Amino acid sequence: MTAALAGRATSAEDLSAGAWAERDCLALLARRLEPVPPPEVPEGRIFLQHARITSSVLLNMSPALETTIVIARSEQASDSLVVWPVVYGLVSLGTVPLSDLDSVGSAFLKRSGAPAVLMRFTVLLASVLLAVSLLVVLTPLAHLYIAGFSNVPSGPADLGVRWMAVLVAAPQLWAVRGRLRTVTINGGTTRVLPRAAAVHLAAFLAFGLLLPLTSLPGAAGAELALVGALAAETLSLRAMSGRMARAQLAA
């Protein structure tokens, strides 16, 4: 018990130290940037835009909790709960770096006005992520990471390796969603973003209620719910942003 508490305290200290170091580094780098005059936009408008754009932050943070609930209500819950943090951590290595793709891409479009470059970058990024994902899934790398590096017991490790292929599509969906969000932000139709986020949450809720009723193990259900919700959000974002853009052109 004492060792566990000490381990948690050490982990918390490491996280805090990393956050403070990042803050100090950003503060030093920001001093080198040329000052940009603030736009003449009402404060209420800025708050609304910020709320819309950051709606994806909830989606980036929520899967860890939501998938755990799905797993706990499914078959082979114990083995799934052991291996899922390891599997999800591996997938996060390919998805979390894409969290700021929409804001970075929007800034790029405002400065360059070159959507074709953004499209080529998205295709290249998705292709690289797909190649890396297939390399991990189709070779012993997945087993080495889960059972060897992460020291997961054989039963849960085999379960994680067997169903990891479901998550191959996740990084590509993040890349495509990032581009769609970029185009939406740059086009000034940010009201679409919370609606797409609501579709994501609704789809995850539907999968989360239905999949535990099947005989699928919890890890598989969590992976299917995660990918299904991402796909639903991406498709809805494309449909709604396209419809709103056409309406603006018609007006």
Protein backbone atom coordinates (compact mmCIF):
# COMPACT_ATOMS: atom_id res chain seq x y z
CA MET A 1 0.00 0.00 0.00
CA THR A 2 2.79 2.38 0.95
CA ALA A 3 4.70 1.52 -2.22
CA ALA A 4 1.62 2.16 -4.35
CA LEU A 5 1.07 5.55 -2.74
CA ALA A 6 4.72 6.43 -3.21
CA GLY A 7 4.49 5.46 -6.89
CA ARG A 8 1.44 7.65 -7.40
CA ALA A 9 3.14 10.57 -5.67
CA THR A 10 6.20 10.18 -7.88
CA SER A 11 4.03 10.07 -11.01
CA ALA A 12 2.20 13.22 -9.93
CA GLU A 13 5.50 14.99 -9.28
CA ASP A 14 6.79 13.97 -12.73
CA LEU A 15 3.65 15.32 -14.42
CA SER A 16 3.85 18.58 -12.51
CA ALA A 17 7.55 19.01 -13.26
CA GLY A 18 6.93 18.39 -16.96
CA ALA A 19 4.10 20.92 -17.07
CA TRP A 20 6.16 23.61 -15.33
CA ALA A 21 9.15 22.96 -17.61
CA GLU A 22 6.94 23.23 -20.70
CA ARG A 23 5.41 26.47 -19.43
CA ASP A 24 8.81 28.06 -18.81
CA CYS A 25 10.09 26.95 -22.20
CA LEU A 26 7.05 28.39 -23.99
CA ALA A 27 7.40 31.66 -22.08
CA LEU A 28 11.00 32.01 -23.23
CA LEU A 29 10.16 31.17 -26.84
CA ALA A 30 7.16 33.52 -26.90
CA ARG A 31 9.40 36.48 -26.00
CA ARG A 32 11.20 36.08 -29.32
CA LEU A 33 8.01 36.43 -31.34
CA GLU A 34 7.01 39.73 -32.85
CA PRO A 35 3.97 41.28 -31.14
CA VAL A 36 0.72 40.95 -33.09
CA PRO A 37 -1.92 43.67 -32.70
CA PRO A 38 -5.12 42.25 -31.19
CA PRO A 39 -8.10 42.00 -33.57
CA GLU A 40 -11.00 44.34 -33.04
CA VAL A 41 -13.47 41.66 -32.01
CA PRO A 42 -15.93 41.87 -29.10
CA GLU A 43 -14.93 39.83 -26.07
CA GLY A 44 -18.17 37.87 -26.19
CA ARG A 45 -17.44 36.85 -29.77
CA ILE A 46 -13.97 35.68 -28.83
CA PHE A 47 -15.38 33.59 -25.99
CA LEU A 48 -17.95 32.01 -28.30
CA GLN A 49 -15.35 31.19 -30.95
CA HIS A 50 -13.04 29.73 -28.32
CA ALA A 51 -15.81 27.56 -26.90
CA ARG A 52 -16.68 26.21 -30.33
CA ILE A 53 -13.11 25.50 -31.37
CA THR A 54 -12.14 23.84 -28.10
CA SER A 55 -15.16 21.55 -28.10
CA SER A 56 -12.84 18.82 -29.37
CA VAL A 57 -10.82 19.02 -26.15
CA LEU A 58 -13.62 17.18 -24.38
CA LEU A 59 -13.57 14.54 -27.10
CA ASN A 60 -9.82 14.14 -26.74
CA MET A 61 -10.08 13.59 -22.99
CA SER A 62 -13.35 11.65 -22.70
CA PRO A 63 -12.48 8.29 -24.38
CA ALA A 64 -10.35 7.12 -21.46
CA LEU A 65 -13.35 7.36 -19.12
CA GLU A 66 -16.02 6.26 -21.61
CA THR A 67 -14.15 3.20 -22.84
CA THR A 68 -13.45 2.10 -19.27
CA ILE A 69 -17.20 2.14 -18.58
CA VAL A 70 -17.85 0.11 -21.74
CA ILE A 71 -15.19 -2.44 -20.76
CA ALA A 72 -16.50 -2.81 -17.21
CA ARG A 73 -19.93 -3.78 -18.56
CA SER A 74 -18.64 -6.24 -21.18
CA GLU A 75 -17.29 -9.77 -21.36
CA GLN A 76 -13.74 -10.48 -20.15
CA ALA A 77 -13.80 -7.20 -18.27
CA SER A 78 -10.87 -8.04 -15.99
CA ASP A 79 -8.43 -8.94 -18.76
CA SER A 80 -9.64 -6.01 -20.85
CA LEU A 81 -9.15 -3.51 -18.04
CA VAL A 82 -5.59 -4.75 -17.58
CA VAL A 83 -4.56 -4.39 -21.22
CA TRP A 84 -6.68 -1.44 -22.35
CA PRO A 85 -4.56 1.37 -20.81
CA VAL A 86 -1.52 -0.05 -22.60
CA VAL A 87 -3.32 -0.34 -25.95
CA TYR A 88 -4.90 3.09 -25.63
CA GLY A 89 -1.55 4.60 -24.68
CA LEU A 90 0.02 3.20 -27.84
CA VAL A 91 -2.75 4.58 -30.04
CA SER A 92 -2.45 7.95 -28.29
CA LEU A 93 1.13 8.22 -29.55
CA GLY A 94 -0.34 8.59 -33.03
CA THR A 95 -3.39 10.69 -32.17
CA VAL A 96 -2.48 13.14 -29.42
CA PRO A 97 0.17 14.92 -31.56
CA LEU A 98 -2.68 15.73 -33.97
CA SER A 99 -4.70 17.57 -31.33
CA ASP A 100 -3.58 20.99 -32.57
CA LEU A 101 -3.78 20.18 -36.27
CA ASP A 102 -6.92 22.27 -36.70
CA SER A 103 -5.51 25.44 -35.11
CA VAL A 104 -2.11 25.09 -36.80
CA GLY A 105 -3.75 24.31 -40.14
CA SER A 106 -6.13 27.24 -39.83
CA ALA A 107 -3.24 29.61 -39.17
CA PHE A 108 -1.44 28.17 -42.18
CA LEU A 109 -4.46 28.70 -44.45
CA LYS A 110 -4.89 32.28 -43.28
CA ARG A 111 -1.27 33.07 -44.10
CA SER A 112 -0.85 31.07 -47.32
CA GLY A 113 -4.34 30.56 -48.70
CA ALA A 114 -3.22 27.20 -50.11
CA PRO A 115 -5.82 24.50 -49.31
CA ALA A 116 -4.21 22.14 -51.83
CA VAL A 117 -1.07 22.05 -49.69
CA LEU A 118 -3.14 21.19 -46.63
CA MET A 119 -4.86 18.40 -48.58
CA ARG A 120 -1.54 16.93 -49.71
CA PHE A 121 -0.19 17.13 -46.18
CA THR A 122 -3.28 15.35 -44.82
CA VAL A 123 -2.98 12.56 -47.39
CA LEU A 124 0.73 12.16 -46.61
CA LEU A 125 0.13 12.22 -42.86
CA ALA A 126 -2.72 9.69 -43.04
CA SER A 127 -0.62 7.42 -45.26
CA VAL A 128 2.33 7.48 -42.89
CA LEU A 129 0.09 6.79 -39.89
CA LEU A 130 -1.57 3.91 -41.73
CA ALA A 131 1.79 2.40 -42.65
CA VAL A 132 3.05 2.64 -39.08
CA SER A 133 -0.20 1.21 -37.69
CA LEU A 134 -0.08 -1.76 -40.07
CA LEU A 135 3.57 -2.33 -39.23
CA VAL A 136 2.73 -2.55 -35.54
CA VAL A 137 -0.33 -4.77 -36.01
CA LEU A 138 1.02 -7.15 -38.67
CA THR A 139 4.40 -7.77 -37.06
CA PRO A 140 5.49 -8.93 -33.58
CA LEU A 141 5.88 -5.29 -32.52
CA ALA A 142 2.43 -5.21 -30.92
CA HIS A 143 3.15 -8.27 -28.80
CA LEU A 144 6.61 -7.00 -27.89
CA TYR A 145 5.18 -3.68 -26.76
CA ILE A 146 2.28 -5.14 -24.75
CA ALA A 147 3.78 -8.30 -23.27
CA GLY A 148 7.45 -7.36 -23.28
CA PHE A 149 7.90 -3.64 -22.78
CA SER A 150 4.66 -3.10 -20.79
CA ASN A 151 4.88 -6.45 -18.97
CA VAL A 152 1.17 -7.26 -19.37
CA PRO A 153 0.33 -10.87 -18.34
CA SER A 154 -0.12 -13.38 -21.16
CA GLY A 155 -3.94 -13.62 -21.04
CA PRO A 156 -4.70 -9.89 -21.26
CA ALA A 157 -1.73 -9.39 -23.62
CA ASP A 158 -3.09 -11.95 -26.11
CA LEU A 159 -6.49 -10.27 -25.93
CA GLY A 160 -5.00 -6.87 -26.67
CA VAL A 161 -2.91 -8.11 -29.60
CA ARG A 162 -5.84 -10.05 -31.08
CA TRP A 163 -8.12 -7.00 -31.30
CA MET A 164 -5.61 -4.21 -31.85
CA ALA A 165 -6.24 -4.22 -35.61
CA VAL A 166 -9.59 -2.49 -34.97
CA LEU A 167 -7.71 0.66 -33.96
CA VAL A 168 -5.69 0.89 -37.18
CA ALA A 169 -8.19 3.42 -38.56
CA ALA A 170 -8.11 5.73 -35.51
CA PRO A 171 -5.01 7.83 -36.37
CA GLN A 172 -6.18 8.30 -39.98
CA LEU A 173 -9.59 9.47 -38.79
CA TRP A 174 -7.90 11.96 -36.47
CA ALA A 175 -5.92 13.33 -39.43
CA VAL A 176 -8.96 13.65 -41.70
CA ARG A 177 -11.02 15.17 -38.89
CA GLY A 178 -8.24 17.68 -38.23
CA ARG A 179 -8.29 18.82 -41.84
CA LEU A 180 -12.09 19.14 -41.86
CA ARG A 181 -11.97 21.16 -38.65
CA THR A 182 -9.25 23.34 -40.17
CA VAL A 183 -11.36 24.11 -43.23
CA THR A 184 -14.38 24.77 -41.01
CA ILE A 185 -12.48 27.19 -38.76
CA ASN A 186 -10.89 28.96 -41.69
CA GLY A 187 -14.28 29.32 -43.38
CA GLY A 188 -15.84 30.93 -40.32
CA THR A 189 -18.46 28.20 -39.83
CA THR A 190 -17.34 27.20 -36.34
CA ARG A 191 -20.91 26.64 -35.17
CA VAL A 192 -20.62 23.27 -36.92
CA LEU A 193 -17.92 22.06 -34.53
CA PRO A 194 -20.09 21.60 -31.39
CA ARG A 195 -22.73 19.84 -33.49
CA ALA A 196 -20.17 17.39 -34.82
CA ALA A 197 -18.92 16.88 -31.25
CA ALA A 198 -22.47 16.09 -30.18
CA VAL A 199 -22.71 13.49 -32.96
CA HIS A 200 -19.47 11.95 -31.68
CA LEU A 201 -20.79 11.69 -28.13
CA ALA A 202 -24.17 10.34 -29.30
CA ALA A 203 -22.48 7.67 -31.42
CA PHE A 204 -20.19 6.68 -28.56
CA LEU A 205 -23.18 6.44 -26.23
CA ALA A 206 -25.03 4.23 -28.73
CA PHE A 207 -22.05 1.92 -29.19
CA GLY A 208 -21.43 1.93 -25.46
CA LEU A 209 -24.95 0.74 -24.75
CA LEU A 210 -25.18 -1.84 -27.53
CA LEU A 211 -21.75 -3.50 -27.59
CA PRO A 212 -21.82 -4.72 -23.94
CA LEU A 213 -24.95 -6.67 -24.89
CA THR A 214 -22.90 -8.80 -27.29
CA SER A 215 -20.36 -11.51 -26.52
CA LEU A 216 -17.45 -9.32 -27.59
CA PRO A 217 -14.69 -8.83 -25.01
CA GLY A 218 -14.50 -5.43 -23.41
CA ALA A 219 -11.31 -4.42 -25.22
CA ALA A 220 -12.94 -5.09 -28.59
CA GLY A 221 -16.06 -3.17 -27.62
CA ALA A 222 -14.02 -0.18 -26.49
CA GLU A 223 -12.04 -0.15 -29.73
CA LEU A 224 -15.17 -0.43 -31.90
CA ALA A 225 -16.90 2.34 -29.94
CA LEU A 226 -13.86 4.59 -30.23
CA VAL A 227 -13.46 4.12 -33.99
CA GLY A 228 -17.21 4.23 -34.64
CA ALA A 229 -17.64 7.54 -32.81
CA LEU A 230 -14.67 9.05 -34.65
CA ALA A 231 -16.09 7.94 -37.99
CA ALA A 232 -19.54 9.32 -37.17
CA GLU A 233 -18.10 12.68 -36.16
CA THR A 234 -15.89 12.89 -39.26
CA LEU A 235 -18.75 12.08 -41.64
CA SER A 236 -21.11 14.51 -39.92
CA LEU A 237 -18.47 17.25 -39.91
CA ARG A 238 -17.93 16.82 -43.63
CA ALA A 239 -21.65 16.85 -44.37
CA MET A 240 -22.53 19.83 -42.15
CA SER A 241 -19.55 21.99 -43.10
CA GLY A 242 -20.16 21.36 -46.80
CA ARG A 243 -23.83 22.20 -46.48
CA MET A 244 -23.09 25.42 -44.59
CA ALA A 245 -20.42 26.44 -47.10
CA ARG A 246 -22.85 25.97 -49.97
CA ALA A 247 -25.45 28.02 -48.12
CA GLN A 248 -22.96 30.87 -47.66
CA LEU A 249 -22.09 30.81 -51.37
CA ALA A 250 -25.77 30.89 -52.30
CA ALA A 251 -26.36 33.88 -50.02
